Protein backbone atom coordinates (compact mmCIF):
# COMPACT_ATOMS: atom_id res chain seq x y z
CA MET A 1 91.47 -6.20 6.18
CA SER A 2 88.39 -4.19 5.72
CA THR A 3 85.46 -5.34 3.68
CA LYS A 4 83.32 -2.97 1.76
CA LYS A 5 79.59 -3.45 1.63
CA SER A 6 78.25 -3.92 -1.81
CA ALA A 7 75.36 -1.84 -3.04
CA GLU A 8 73.38 -4.99 -3.71
CA PRO A 9 72.02 -6.93 -0.67
CA SER A 10 72.90 -10.59 -0.44
CA PRO A 11 70.24 -13.28 -0.78
CA GLU A 12 70.70 -14.14 2.92
CA SER A 13 70.01 -10.56 4.00
CA ILE A 14 66.97 -10.40 1.73
CA ALA A 15 65.64 -13.65 3.22
CA ARG A 16 66.34 -12.36 6.75
CA SER A 17 64.51 -9.09 6.13
CA ASP A 18 61.57 -11.00 4.60
CA ARG A 19 61.37 -13.24 7.68
CA LYS A 20 61.47 -10.21 9.98
CA ARG A 21 58.75 -8.46 7.97
CA LEU A 22 56.53 -11.57 7.99
CA ALA A 23 57.08 -12.06 11.72
CA ALA A 24 56.15 -8.42 12.39
CA GLU A 25 52.97 -8.76 10.29
CA GLU A 26 51.97 -12.01 12.00
CA GLY A 27 52.66 -10.47 15.40
CA ALA A 28 50.45 -7.49 14.61
CA ARG A 29 47.67 -9.82 13.44
CA ALA A 30 48.01 -11.93 16.59
CA LEU A 31 47.83 -8.87 18.83
CA ALA A 32 44.76 -7.60 17.01
CA ASP A 33 43.14 -11.03 17.38
CA VAL A 34 43.90 -11.15 21.11
CA GLU A 35 42.49 -7.65 21.60
CA ARG A 36 39.34 -8.59 19.65
CA GLN A 37 38.85 -11.71 21.77
CA ALA A 38 39.36 -9.71 24.97
CA ILE A 39 36.67 -7.26 23.87
CA GLU A 40 34.29 -10.15 23.14
CA VAL A 41 34.99 -11.68 26.56
CA ARG A 42 34.33 -8.36 28.32
CA LYS A 43 31.06 -7.92 26.40
CA ASN A 44 29.95 -11.43 27.35
CA MET A 45 30.90 -10.86 31.00
CA ALA A 46 28.83 -7.65 31.04
CA ARG A 47 25.87 -9.48 29.48
CA LEU A 48 26.09 -12.30 32.00
CA ARG A 49 26.40 -9.81 34.88
CA GLU A 50 23.22 -8.06 33.71
CA VAL A 51 21.38 -11.38 33.49
CA ARG A 52 22.58 -12.39 36.98
CA GLU A 53 21.63 -9.04 38.51
CA ALA A 54 18.18 -9.17 36.89
CA LYS A 55 17.65 -12.69 38.23
CA GLU A 56 18.76 -11.64 41.72
CA ALA A 57 16.39 -8.66 41.62
CA ALA A 58 13.52 -10.89 40.51
CA ASP A 59 14.33 -13.39 43.26
CA ASP A 60 14.41 -10.61 45.86
CA ALA A 61 11.08 -9.24 44.65
CA LEU A 62 9.54 -12.70 44.78
CA ARG A 63 10.97 -13.33 48.23
CA THR A 64 9.48 -10.10 49.59
CA ALA A 65 6.12 -10.74 47.89
CA LEU A 66 5.66 -14.21 49.36
CA PRO A 67 4.82 -14.66 53.04
CA ALA A 68 7.59 -15.98 55.21
CA PRO A 69 7.39 -19.74 55.56
CA THR A 70 6.39 -21.00 58.98
CA LEU A 71 8.69 -23.54 60.45
CA LYS A 72 7.16 -26.56 62.10
CA ARG A 73 9.03 -27.72 65.11
CA ARG A 74 9.42 -31.39 65.58
CA SER A 75 8.29 -32.69 68.86
CA ARG A 76 10.96 -34.51 70.74
CA LYS A 77 10.48 -38.09 71.56
CA PRO A 78 10.22 -38.69 75.26
CA ALA A 79 13.45 -39.93 76.76
CA ARG A 80 13.41 -43.48 78.05
């Protein structure tokens, strides 16, 4: 027995196609959101790297500008 497809889609096929369409739209929105968050994270990482490098450069400049600290040696106690 062969069944012929009717020209009119069934309510189940309409519901299925609606679910697929909604899932595709939500997936596209989720991917766009993930990409946007990744861009924000990369921007923040670059900002923090610049801040860290500037701080390290300032610390190096300060270290070279200050005289080297002299170390005092402790005298040993005489052995008994």
